[in-house]
Amino acid sequence: MQTVKAFLLGAALAMGVATQAQAQAQPQVSLPNFADLVEKYGPAVVNINTQARVGRNPLQGQLDEDDPFYDFFRRFLPPDQRQGPRGRNGEPPKGAPRAPLRPQGLGSGFIISADGFIVTNAHVIEGAEEINVRFMDKRELKAKVIGADKRSDVALIKVDATGLPFVKLGDSNTTRVGEWVLAIGSPYGFANTVTAGILSAKSRDLPQDQASDSVPFLQTDAAVNPGNSGGPLFNLKGEVIGINSQIFSRTGSFAGISFAIPIDYAGNVIEQLKKSGKVTRGRIGVAITGLTRDLADSLGLAKTDGAVVGTVEDDSPAAKAGVEAGDVILKIDGRTIESSADLSRTIRAVRPGQKVTLNVWRAGKARDIVVTVGEFKDEEATRTAKGGQGKAEKAKPGKLGLAVTEVPADQKKALKISGGVLVDGVDGIALANGIQPGDVILRVNNTDVKDVKAWEAAVAKLEPKKAVALLVRDERGTRFVTLKPEE
């Protein structure tokens, strides 16, 4: 019995020694301590509150003096609840009382220089008549707007002060997914609130309206709420790598996903605002789409990197340089283009008048095209060739579900093309993928189609069950359509 006890005791001791040895062999993992970073750079983060002359009149600013409701609001609304009479130019008539300034919004910002330049979001200060900046030491100063760029949602303001604490700007390009990040801001007005998380993803393309740029957002899980907008996103070195800008939420509050404007992207905007108060952007005059896996395979491309040119504007920099609809832009000045959004923001960042080299894929070969970048203007709209559609008498579709004929001369002239075949009948997979009678097919995979004979030869060479890329033209522009025979 004692022998068994001794054995068990020895085994337990041995296991304890082994467990201790294993624990010692394991690398010690400790969570980061952000206290030193916050102590050093927290004073450079500010709270921003804005005011505007906004009354409670639901029709304020919309009534002329001749409007029948004008006298009603003037007589029966107290002065502090109305904006006051408005003239035809939208401004108060001489001598009319102005509506009082009222709180409009809250946000955050960060100081980038000792002489008072502060970065925030453009939407934080939009429409503000008065901008108040509050510092960690409780000082409050009024700021003036140096410049605000709605397309990037970046703004630069300035306070009249010297010797201010300021942040260091880092390199968001070298930041890796999984690294710790820290956000400081004023969520719901609670100034100098600190939250931490990790960098969840990079180059997130979010749905944007036409007045916004394709910002390659940084995604984080650091808690960001209304009021954090415009505040800095730090790395562990204490460098600002982003400007907290948006949250993804179904409730309006933090739900685990927030987005920041990369400081490398914002830096160009900040410098231009500082120098001139406005931002100029480049353009080459093309409409582009993304490159799918099936389309890349059909064109003989190993990767889906690049952007497909759908339309080239008349007399645009791209047209003058020889870029054609159907080209796939793979690189700009030797740098790989990852997506259509990447192409847009790369060109927008180029100074107008500067030359860039586009590496494009056309008809199965890569070639370089030098383009002199023009200036982008917000009011510009994409111009496309207009033209009528050819007569679409019904014919029996053949291979790929398409029946084609020669393109009439007047339609070639209207669409500004020299070849192609006219879709006369459509069925099956072609119909399911949006091809319609009257469309013109210019290319099959990497083979240009000049006429019906060339079409038939190109179709005869297609491999069974392999996706086919058709370059299709109509009065709206040019696009690639990928057909999968197995469908």
Protein backbone atom coordinates (compact mmCIF):
# COMPACT_ATOMS: atom_id res chain seq x y z
CA MET A 1 0.00 0.00 0.00
CA GLN A 2 2.75 2.45 0.93
CA THR A 3 4.54 1.52 -2.27
CA VAL A 4 1.46 2.55 -4.28
CA LYS A 5 1.20 5.83 -2.33
CA ALA A 6 4.85 6.56 -2.93
CA PHE A 7 4.42 5.87 -6.62
CA LEU A 8 1.41 8.16 -6.88
CA LEU A 9 3.19 10.91 -4.94
CA GLY A 10 6.22 10.64 -7.18
CA ALA A 11 4.05 10.76 -10.29
CA ALA A 12 2.22 13.83 -9.01
CA LEU A 13 5.50 15.59 -8.22
CA ALA A 14 6.86 14.69 -11.63
CA MET A 15 3.73 16.05 -13.32
CA GLY A 16 3.97 19.24 -11.29
CA VAL A 17 7.60 19.73 -12.29
CA ALA A 18 6.73 19.06 -15.93
CA THR A 19 3.78 21.47 -15.83
CA GLN A 20 5.97 24.17 -14.27
CA ALA A 21 8.66 23.59 -16.89
CA GLN A 22 6.08 23.84 -19.67
CA ALA A 23 4.69 27.06 -18.23
CA GLN A 24 8.18 28.52 -18.07
CA ALA A 25 8.81 27.46 -21.66
CA GLN A 26 5.66 29.23 -22.90
CA PRO A 27 6.28 32.79 -24.15
CA GLN A 28 4.83 35.39 -21.82
CA VAL A 29 2.10 37.37 -23.61
CA SER A 30 1.06 40.69 -22.13
CA LEU A 31 -1.54 43.19 -23.32
CA PRO A 32 -0.32 46.64 -24.27
CA ASN A 33 -0.50 49.47 -21.78
CA PHE A 34 -1.79 52.60 -23.52
CA ALA A 35 -1.35 54.91 -20.52
CA ASP A 36 1.95 56.47 -21.64
CA LEU A 37 0.63 57.04 -25.17
CA VAL A 38 -2.54 58.72 -23.87
CA GLU A 39 -0.58 60.86 -21.42
CA LYS A 40 1.77 62.07 -24.16
CA TYR A 41 -0.62 62.61 -27.08
CA GLY A 42 -4.04 62.93 -25.42
CA PRO A 43 -3.61 66.71 -24.92
CA ALA A 44 -3.33 67.09 -28.72
CA VAL A 45 -6.87 65.74 -29.21
CA VAL A 46 -9.63 68.35 -29.04
CA ASN A 47 -13.40 68.48 -28.70
CA ILE A 48 -15.20 70.42 -31.45
CA ASN A 49 -18.69 71.85 -31.11
CA THR A 50 -20.34 73.92 -33.79
CA GLN A 51 -23.18 76.41 -33.85
CA ALA A 52 -25.46 77.68 -36.59
CA ARG A 53 -28.47 79.95 -36.90
CA VAL A 54 -31.04 77.21 -36.92
CA GLY A 55 -34.50 77.90 -35.49
CA ARG A 56 -37.34 75.49 -34.83
CA ASN A 57 -39.51 76.73 -37.70
CA PRO A 58 -39.98 73.70 -39.99
CA LEU A 59 -40.14 76.00 -43.02
CA GLN A 60 -37.25 78.24 -42.05
CA GLY A 61 -35.23 79.64 -44.88
CA GLN A 62 -37.86 78.55 -47.40
CA LEU A 63 -40.32 81.50 -47.24
CA ASP A 64 -40.21 84.62 -49.36
CA GLU A 65 -41.78 87.83 -48.12
CA ASP A 66 -44.63 87.32 -50.61
CA ASP A 67 -45.44 83.85 -49.29
CA PRO A 68 -48.87 83.65 -47.58
CA PHE A 69 -47.34 81.75 -44.63
CA TYR A 70 -44.64 84.40 -44.15
CA ASP A 71 -46.80 86.75 -42.08
CA PHE A 72 -48.10 83.84 -39.98
CA PHE A 73 -44.65 82.74 -38.84
CA ARG A 74 -43.53 86.35 -38.34
CA ARG A 75 -46.51 87.16 -36.12
CA PHE A 76 -47.03 84.00 -34.10
CA LEU A 77 -43.61 82.42 -33.60
CA PRO A 78 -41.53 83.88 -30.77
CA PRO A 79 -38.26 85.49 -31.90
CA ASP A 80 -36.15 82.69 -30.45
CA GLN A 81 -38.09 80.06 -32.41
CA ARG A 82 -37.97 81.57 -35.87
CA GLN A 83 -35.19 82.30 -38.26
CA GLY A 84 -36.68 85.65 -39.15
CA PRO A 85 -37.91 87.13 -42.44
CA ARG A 86 -36.09 86.03 -45.57
CA GLY A 87 -35.67 88.03 -48.71
CA ARG A 88 -35.65 86.62 -52.22
CA ASN A 89 -31.91 86.08 -52.04
CA GLY A 90 -32.31 83.93 -48.92
CA GLU A 91 -30.71 86.56 -46.65
CA PRO A 92 -32.55 88.48 -43.89
CA PRO A 93 -33.74 91.93 -45.04
CA LYS A 94 -31.96 94.93 -43.56
CA GLY A 95 -32.93 95.51 -39.96
CA ALA A 96 -34.60 92.11 -39.59
CA PRO A 97 -33.67 90.20 -36.40
CA ARG A 98 -31.35 87.23 -36.95
CA ALA A 99 -32.06 83.87 -35.44
CA PRO A 100 -29.83 83.09 -32.46
CA LEU A 101 -26.90 80.73 -32.76
CA ARG A 102 -27.79 77.25 -31.58
CA PRO A 103 -25.69 74.13 -31.00
CA GLN A 104 -25.42 72.22 -34.25
CA GLY A 105 -23.08 69.28 -33.74
CA LEU A 106 -20.26 67.65 -31.85
CA GLY A 107 -17.07 66.10 -33.10
CA SER A 108 -13.38 65.63 -32.47
CA GLY A 109 -10.11 66.73 -34.02
CA PHE A 110 -6.36 66.61 -33.50
CA ILE A 111 -3.68 69.27 -33.57
CA ILE A 112 -0.98 68.74 -36.22
CA SER A 113 1.22 71.77 -35.50
CA ALA A 114 2.13 73.94 -32.52
CA ASP A 115 0.67 77.03 -34.22
CA GLY A 116 -2.90 75.73 -34.13
CA PHE A 117 -3.71 73.75 -37.29
CA ILE A 118 -6.32 71.10 -36.49
CA VAL A 119 -7.59 68.21 -38.64
CA THR A 120 -11.19 66.97 -38.42
CA ASN A 121 -13.94 65.64 -40.67
CA ALA A 122 -15.62 67.92 -43.19
CA HIS A 123 -19.04 66.73 -42.02
CA VAL A 124 -18.25 67.85 -38.45
CA ILE A 125 -18.03 71.52 -39.46
CA GLU A 126 -20.42 71.55 -42.41
CA GLY A 127 -22.85 74.48 -42.26
CA ALA A 128 -21.34 75.86 -39.06
CA GLU A 129 -21.26 79.61 -38.46
CA GLU A 130 -19.18 79.27 -35.32
CA ILE A 131 -16.63 76.57 -34.44
CA ASN A 132 -15.51 76.18 -30.84
CA VAL A 133 -12.48 74.07 -29.97
CA ARG A 134 -12.07 72.82 -26.42
CA PHE A 135 -8.72 71.55 -25.18
CA MET A 136 -7.94 69.03 -22.47
CA ASP A 137 -6.90 71.87 -20.12
CA LYS A 138 -10.47 73.30 -20.44
CA ARG A 139 -9.43 76.22 -22.62
CA GLU A 140 -11.90 77.02 -25.40
CA LEU A 141 -10.98 78.92 -28.56
CA LYS A 142 -12.87 79.82 -31.70
CA ALA A 143 -11.53 78.32 -34.93
CA LYS A 144 -11.65 79.44 -38.54
CA VAL A 145 -11.96 77.13 -41.51
CA ILE A 146 -8.85 76.86 -43.67
CA GLY A 147 -10.52 74.43 -46.04
CA ALA A 148 -13.00 71.56 -46.13
CA ASP A 149 -13.11 68.84 -48.75
CA LYS A 150 -16.42 66.98 -48.87
CA ARG A 151 -15.21 64.33 -51.33
CA SER A 152 -12.66 62.99 -48.85
CA ASP A 153 -14.50 64.20 -45.71
CA VAL A 154 -11.33 65.91 -44.50
CA ALA A 155 -11.23 69.45 -43.10
CA LEU A 156 -8.51 71.74 -41.78
CA ILE A 157 -9.30 74.44 -39.21
CA LYS A 158 -7.07 76.77 -37.19
CA VAL A 159 -7.11 78.44 -33.78
CA ASP A 160 -5.10 81.51 -32.88
CA ALA A 161 -2.58 80.00 -30.47
CA THR A 162 1.06 78.94 -30.21
CA GLY A 163 3.02 76.32 -28.33
CA LEU A 164 0.24 73.75 -28.58
CA PRO A 165 0.83 70.00 -28.19
CA PHE A 166 0.56 68.16 -31.49
CA VAL A 167 0.51 64.60 -32.83
CA LYS A 168 2.89 62.73 -35.12
CA LEU A 169 1.54 61.46 -38.44
CA GLY A 170 2.43 57.84 -39.20
CA ASP A 171 2.34 55.56 -42.24
CA SER A 172 -0.97 53.77 -42.66
CA ASN A 173 0.40 51.77 -45.60
CA THR A 174 2.84 49.85 -43.40
CA THR A 175 0.28 49.18 -40.65
CA ARG A 176 -0.66 45.49 -40.55
CA VAL A 177 -4.05 43.93 -39.95
CA GLY A 178 -4.18 42.62 -36.38
CA GLU A 179 -2.10 45.44 -34.86
CA TRP A 180 -3.40 47.30 -31.83
CA VAL A 181 -4.95 50.71 -32.43
CA LEU A 182 -6.25 53.42 -30.11
CA ALA A 183 -9.00 55.99 -30.68
CA ILE A 184 -9.39 59.21 -28.70
CA GLY A 185 -12.40 61.46 -29.15
CA SER A 186 -15.62 62.86 -27.73
CA PRO A 187 -18.40 60.26 -28.15
CA TYR A 188 -21.74 61.84 -27.26
CA GLY A 189 -19.76 64.83 -25.97
CA PHE A 190 -17.72 62.90 -23.40
CA ALA A 191 -14.40 64.58 -24.17
CA ASN A 192 -11.09 62.73 -24.26
CA THR A 193 -12.62 59.26 -24.22
CA VAL A 194 -10.08 56.51 -24.96
CA THR A 195 -10.99 53.21 -26.65
CA ALA A 196 -8.77 50.49 -28.07
CA GLY A 197 -9.00 47.58 -30.48
CA ILE A 198 -7.23 46.07 -33.44
CA LEU A 199 -6.95 46.96 -37.10
CA SER A 200 -9.57 44.62 -38.58
CA ALA A 201 -9.00 45.26 -42.30
CA LYS A 202 -7.47 47.70 -44.78
CA SER A 203 -8.65 49.27 -48.05
CA ARG A 204 -12.33 48.82 -47.37
CA ASP A 205 -14.38 50.23 -50.27
CA LEU A 206 -17.68 51.51 -48.89
CA PRO A 207 -20.70 52.53 -50.98
CA GLN A 208 -20.25 56.20 -51.81
CA ASP A 209 -22.45 58.81 -53.43
CA GLN A 210 -21.27 60.71 -56.50
CA ALA A 211 -19.96 63.57 -54.33
CA SER A 212 -17.55 61.29 -52.46
CA ASP A 213 -14.21 59.75 -53.28
CA SER A 214 -13.47 56.04 -53.06
CA VAL A 215 -11.60 56.25 -49.76
CA PRO A 216 -9.62 53.06 -48.88
CA PHE A 217 -10.94 52.96 -45.31
CA LEU A 218 -9.20 51.32 -42.38
CA GLN A 219 -11.62 49.06 -40.48
CA THR A 220 -11.22 48.67 -36.71
CA ASP A 221 -13.12 47.28 -33.74
CA ALA A 222 -12.11 50.18 -31.51
CA ALA A 223 -15.35 51.59 -30.10
CA VAL A 224 -16.30 54.71 -32.07
CA ASN A 225 -19.61 56.53 -31.60
CA PRO A 226 -21.22 59.79 -32.73
CA GLY A 227 -18.86 62.54 -31.55
CA ASN A 228 -15.71 60.54 -32.33
CA SER A 229 -15.81 61.79 -35.92
CA GLY A 230 -12.64 63.65 -36.82
CA GLY A 231 -10.62 62.19 -33.97
CA PRO A 232 -7.30 60.36 -34.41
CA LEU A 233 -6.63 56.64 -34.68
CA PHE A 234 -3.19 55.87 -33.17
CA ASN A 235 -0.82 52.94 -33.54
CA LEU A 236 1.28 51.72 -30.61
CA LYS A 237 4.09 54.10 -31.58
CA GLY A 238 1.80 57.03 -30.84
CA GLU A 239 1.50 57.91 -34.54
CA VAL A 240 -1.79 58.90 -36.14
CA ILE A 241 -2.62 56.41 -38.89
CA GLY A 242 -6.23 57.40 -39.52
CA ILE A 243 -9.07 59.85 -38.98
CA ASN A 244 -12.11 58.22 -37.36
CA SER A 245 -14.97 58.90 -39.71
CA GLN A 246 -17.79 56.36 -39.89
CA ILE A 247 -19.43 53.50 -38.05
CA PHE A 248 -21.43 50.53 -39.31
CA SER A 249 -24.51 50.21 -37.17
CA ARG A 250 -28.19 49.39 -37.38
CA THR A 251 -28.90 51.40 -34.23
CA GLY A 252 -26.71 54.50 -34.67
CA SER A 253 -24.33 53.34 -31.93
CA PHE A 254 -21.15 51.29 -32.04
CA ALA A 255 -21.68 47.72 -33.25
CA GLY A 256 -18.12 46.44 -33.50
CA ILE A 257 -17.19 47.94 -36.86
CA SER A 258 -15.81 51.43 -37.43
CA PHE A 259 -13.93 53.06 -40.28
CA ALA A 260 -11.09 55.57 -40.43
CA ILE A 261 -9.66 57.57 -43.32
CA PRO A 262 -6.02 56.44 -43.81
CA ILE A 263 -3.62 59.25 -42.96
CA ASP A 264 -1.58 58.56 -46.11
CA TYR A 265 -4.69 59.27 -48.18
CA ALA A 266 -5.69 62.26 -46.05
CA GLY A 267 -2.18 63.73 -45.99
CA ASN A 268 -2.34 64.91 -49.60
CA VAL A 269 -5.70 66.57 -48.94
CA ILE A 270 -4.42 68.26 -45.75
CA GLU A 271 -1.37 69.69 -47.52
CA GLN A 272 -3.47 71.10 -50.36
CA LEU A 273 -5.97 72.64 -47.95
CA LYS A 274 -3.12 74.22 -46.01
CA LYS A 275 -1.57 75.73 -49.13
CA SER A 276 -4.61 76.88 -51.06
CA GLY A 277 -7.75 76.06 -49.06
CA LYS A 278 -9.00 73.72 -51.77
CA VAL A 279 -8.15 70.37 -53.36
CA THR A 280 -7.43 69.70 -57.03
CA ARG A 281 -7.78 66.20 -58.42
CA GLY A 282 -6.69 64.42 -61.54
CA ARG A 283 -8.84 62.75 -64.16
CA ILE A 284 -8.27 60.90 -67.41
CA GLY A 285 -11.87 60.62 -68.61
CA VAL A 286 -12.80 56.95 -68.43
CA ALA A 287 -15.68 55.00 -66.92
CA ILE A 288 -14.41 51.81 -65.30
CA THR A 289 -15.62 48.60 -63.69
CA GLY A 290 -14.00 45.79 -61.72
CA LEU A 291 -12.40 42.67 -63.18
CA THR A 292 -14.14 39.41 -62.26
CA ARG A 293 -12.47 36.01 -62.11
CA ASP A 294 -14.38 34.73 -65.15
CA LEU A 295 -13.56 37.83 -67.18
CA ALA A 296 -9.88 37.62 -66.23
CA ASP A 297 -9.78 33.96 -67.34
CA SER A 298 -11.49 34.79 -70.62
CA LEU A 299 -8.97 37.55 -71.36
CA GLY A 300 -5.97 35.42 -70.41
CA LEU A 301 -5.13 37.27 -67.22
CA ALA A 302 -3.76 35.30 -64.27
CA LYS A 303 -5.08 37.72 -61.62
CA THR A 304 -8.14 39.87 -61.07
CA ASP A 305 -6.03 42.96 -60.40
CA GLY A 306 -6.89 45.88 -62.66
CA ALA A 307 -9.83 47.96 -63.88
CA VAL A 308 -11.81 47.51 -67.07
CA VAL A 309 -12.38 50.58 -69.24
CA GLY A 310 -16.04 50.71 -70.23
CA THR A 311 -16.26 54.17 -71.79
CA VAL A 312 -13.70 56.72 -72.93
CA GLU A 313 -14.93 60.32 -73.02
CA ASP A 314 -14.52 62.29 -76.22
CA ASP A 315 -11.50 64.63 -76.22
CA SER A 316 -10.48 63.38 -72.76
CA PRO A 317 -6.84 62.81 -71.73
CA ALA A 318 -7.38 59.06 -72.11
CA ALA A 319 -8.87 59.40 -75.60
CA LYS A 320 -6.03 61.65 -76.76
CA ALA A 321 -3.46 59.14 -75.46
CA GLY A 322 -5.09 56.18 -77.22
CA VAL A 323 -6.88 54.38 -74.39
CA GLU A 324 -9.77 52.31 -75.76
CA ALA A 325 -12.97 50.85 -74.37
CA GLY A 326 -12.27 47.27 -73.36
CA ASP A 327 -8.73 47.96 -72.20
CA VAL A 328 -7.83 46.58 -68.78
CA ILE A 329 -5.61 49.01 -66.85
CA LEU A 330 -3.18 46.86 -64.87
CA LYS A 331 -0.62 49.36 -63.54
CA ILE A 332 0.02 53.08 -63.15
CA ASP A 333 3.68 54.08 -63.17
CA GLY A 334 4.63 50.50 -62.36
CA ARG A 335 2.29 50.16 -59.36
CA THR A 336 -0.30 47.39 -59.58
CA ILE A 337 -3.93 48.54 -59.63
CA GLU A 338 -5.90 46.25 -57.34
CA SER A 339 -9.44 47.35 -58.26
CA SER A 340 -11.48 49.98 -60.08
CA ALA A 341 -11.69 52.01 -56.85
CA ASP A 342 -7.91 51.84 -56.53
CA LEU A 343 -7.55 53.25 -60.05
CA SER A 344 -9.94 56.12 -59.30
CA ARG A 345 -8.19 57.25 -56.14
CA THR A 346 -4.74 56.83 -57.70
CA ILE A 347 -5.62 59.10 -60.62
CA ARG A 348 -7.40 61.60 -58.34
CA ALA A 349 -4.21 61.93 -56.30
CA VAL A 350 -2.15 62.91 -59.37
CA ARG A 351 -1.51 66.60 -59.97
CA PRO A 352 -3.26 67.86 -63.12
CA GLY A 353 -0.77 68.27 -65.97
CA GLN A 354 1.45 65.44 -64.77
CA LYS A 355 2.16 62.49 -67.08
CA VAL A 356 1.51 58.91 -65.95
CA THR A 357 2.21 55.62 -67.68
CA LEU A 358 -0.69 53.20 -67.89
CA ASN A 359 0.08 49.54 -68.44
CA VAL A 360 -2.98 48.16 -70.24
CA TRP A 361 -4.05 44.73 -71.46
CA ARG A 362 -5.55 44.78 -74.94
CA ALA A 363 -6.25 41.89 -77.32
CA GLY A 364 -4.09 39.49 -75.33
CA LYS A 365 -1.05 41.76 -75.00
CA ALA A 366 0.21 44.31 -72.49
CA ARG A 367 1.27 47.74 -73.66
CA ASP A 368 2.23 51.07 -72.09
CA ILE A 369 0.30 54.28 -72.77
CA VAL A 370 1.45 57.68 -71.50
CA VAL A 371 -1.43 59.95 -70.42
CA THR A 372 -1.29 63.60 -69.39
CA VAL A 373 -3.69 63.85 -66.46
CA GLY A 374 -6.40 66.51 -66.63
CA GLU A 375 -8.21 68.28 -63.79
CA PHE A 376 -11.28 66.75 -62.21
CA LYS A 377 -14.24 69.05 -61.63
CA ASP A 378 -17.25 68.06 -59.52
CA GLU A 379 -19.75 69.37 -62.05
CA GLU A 380 -18.33 67.28 -64.89
CA ALA A 381 -20.46 64.43 -66.11
CA THR A 382 -19.26 61.49 -68.12
CA ARG A 383 -19.93 62.07 -71.79
CA THR A 384 -20.73 59.05 -73.93
CA ALA A 385 -21.45 58.65 -77.60
CA LYS A 386 -25.14 58.77 -78.48
CA GLY A 387 -26.72 56.85 -81.30
CA GLY A 388 -29.76 54.97 -82.39
CA GLN A 389 -30.06 51.24 -82.29
CA GLY A 390 -30.06 49.17 -85.40
CA LYS A 391 -33.12 47.43 -86.70
CA ALA A 392 -33.54 44.23 -84.70
CA GLU A 393 -35.44 41.79 -86.85
CA LYS A 394 -35.83 38.49 -85.10
CA ALA A 395 -33.39 35.81 -86.20
CA LYS A 396 -32.63 32.38 -84.86
CA PRO A 397 -29.87 32.58 -82.28
CA GLY A 398 -26.89 30.34 -82.81
CA LYS A 399 -23.95 29.54 -80.55
CA LEU A 400 -23.92 31.50 -77.25
CA GLY A 401 -27.58 32.31 -77.84
CA LEU A 402 -26.77 35.10 -80.32
CA ALA A 403 -27.70 35.81 -83.91
CA VAL A 404 -25.65 38.64 -85.46
CA THR A 405 -25.58 40.73 -88.63
CA GLU A 406 -23.36 43.49 -90.00
CA VAL A 407 -23.52 46.87 -88.26
CA PRO A 408 -25.19 49.57 -90.41
CA ALA A 409 -22.91 52.43 -91.41
CA ASP A 410 -25.04 55.06 -89.64
CA GLN A 411 -24.87 53.12 -86.37
CA LYS A 412 -21.09 52.77 -86.68
CA LYS A 413 -20.88 56.52 -87.11
CA ALA A 414 -23.18 57.20 -84.14
CA LEU A 415 -21.24 54.84 -81.86
CA LYS A 416 -17.87 55.93 -83.29
CA ILE A 417 -16.75 52.40 -84.09
CA SER A 418 -15.17 50.88 -87.18
CA GLY A 419 -16.22 47.25 -86.80
CA GLY A 420 -18.25 44.82 -84.73
CA VAL A 421 -21.40 42.81 -85.28
CA LEU A 422 -24.97 43.79 -84.50
CA VAL A 423 -27.03 41.54 -82.22
CA ASP A 424 -30.09 40.62 -84.28
CA GLY A 425 -31.51 37.88 -82.04
CA VAL A 426 -30.78 36.80 -78.50
CA ASP A 427 -31.70 33.82 -76.33
CA GLY A 428 -30.38 31.60 -73.53
CA ILE A 429 -27.34 32.67 -71.55
CA ALA A 430 -26.83 35.84 -73.61
CA LEU A 431 -30.35 37.02 -72.83
CA ALA A 432 -29.94 36.05 -69.17
CA ASN A 433 -26.79 38.19 -68.96
CA GLY A 434 -28.42 41.33 -70.33
CA ILE A 435 -27.45 41.35 -74.01
CA GLN A 436 -30.24 42.78 -76.14
CA PRO A 437 -31.03 43.13 -79.84
CA GLY A 438 -29.36 46.30 -81.09
CA ASP A 439 -26.20 45.80 -79.00
CA VAL A 440 -22.92 45.72 -80.90
CA ILE A 441 -20.27 43.11 -80.07
CA LEU A 442 -16.74 44.40 -80.65
CA ARG A 443 -14.58 41.64 -79.23
CA VAL A 444 -14.67 37.97 -78.26
CA ASN A 445 -12.19 37.35 -75.44
CA ASN A 446 -9.00 38.96 -76.81
CA THR A 447 -10.04 38.84 -80.50
CA ASP A 448 -11.39 41.96 -82.21
CA VAL A 449 -14.47 41.33 -84.33
CA LYS A 450 -14.64 43.43 -87.50
CA ASP A 451 -17.58 41.71 -89.21
CA VAL A 452 -19.78 38.61 -89.20
CA LYS A 453 -17.07 36.46 -90.79
CA ALA A 454 -14.61 37.41 -88.04
CA TRP A 455 -17.32 36.72 -85.44
CA GLU A 456 -17.95 33.23 -86.77
CA ALA A 457 -14.23 32.45 -86.82
CA ALA A 458 -13.76 33.68 -83.24
CA VAL A 459 -16.77 31.75 -81.93
CA ALA A 460 -15.62 28.56 -83.70
CA LYS A 461 -12.36 28.66 -81.71
CA LEU A 462 -14.06 28.85 -78.32
CA GLU A 463 -13.39 26.01 -75.91
CA PRO A 464 -16.47 24.09 -74.71
CA LYS A 465 -17.78 24.95 -71.24
CA LYS A 466 -15.27 27.78 -70.81
CA ALA A 467 -16.40 31.31 -69.92
CA VAL A 468 -16.46 33.79 -72.80
CA ALA A 469 -15.93 37.56 -72.48
CA LEU A 470 -17.80 39.72 -74.98
CA LEU A 471 -17.05 43.43 -75.34
CA VAL A 472 -20.48 44.97 -75.92
CA ARG A 473 -21.34 48.49 -77.06
CA ASP A 474 -24.63 50.36 -76.95
CA GLU A 475 -25.68 54.01 -76.79
CA ARG A 476 -24.87 54.11 -73.05
CA GLY A 477 -21.25 53.00 -73.43
CA THR A 478 -19.08 49.90 -73.55
CA ARG A 479 -19.01 46.99 -71.14
CA PHE A 480 -17.75 43.43 -70.84
CA VAL A 481 -20.32 40.66 -70.54
CA THR A 482 -19.13 37.25 -69.38
CA LEU A 483 -21.07 34.21 -70.56
CA LYS A 484 -20.76 30.79 -68.91
CA PRO A 485 -21.84 28.03 -71.30
CA GLU A 486 -22.76 25.71 -68.41
CA GLU A 487 -25.56 28.15 -67.51
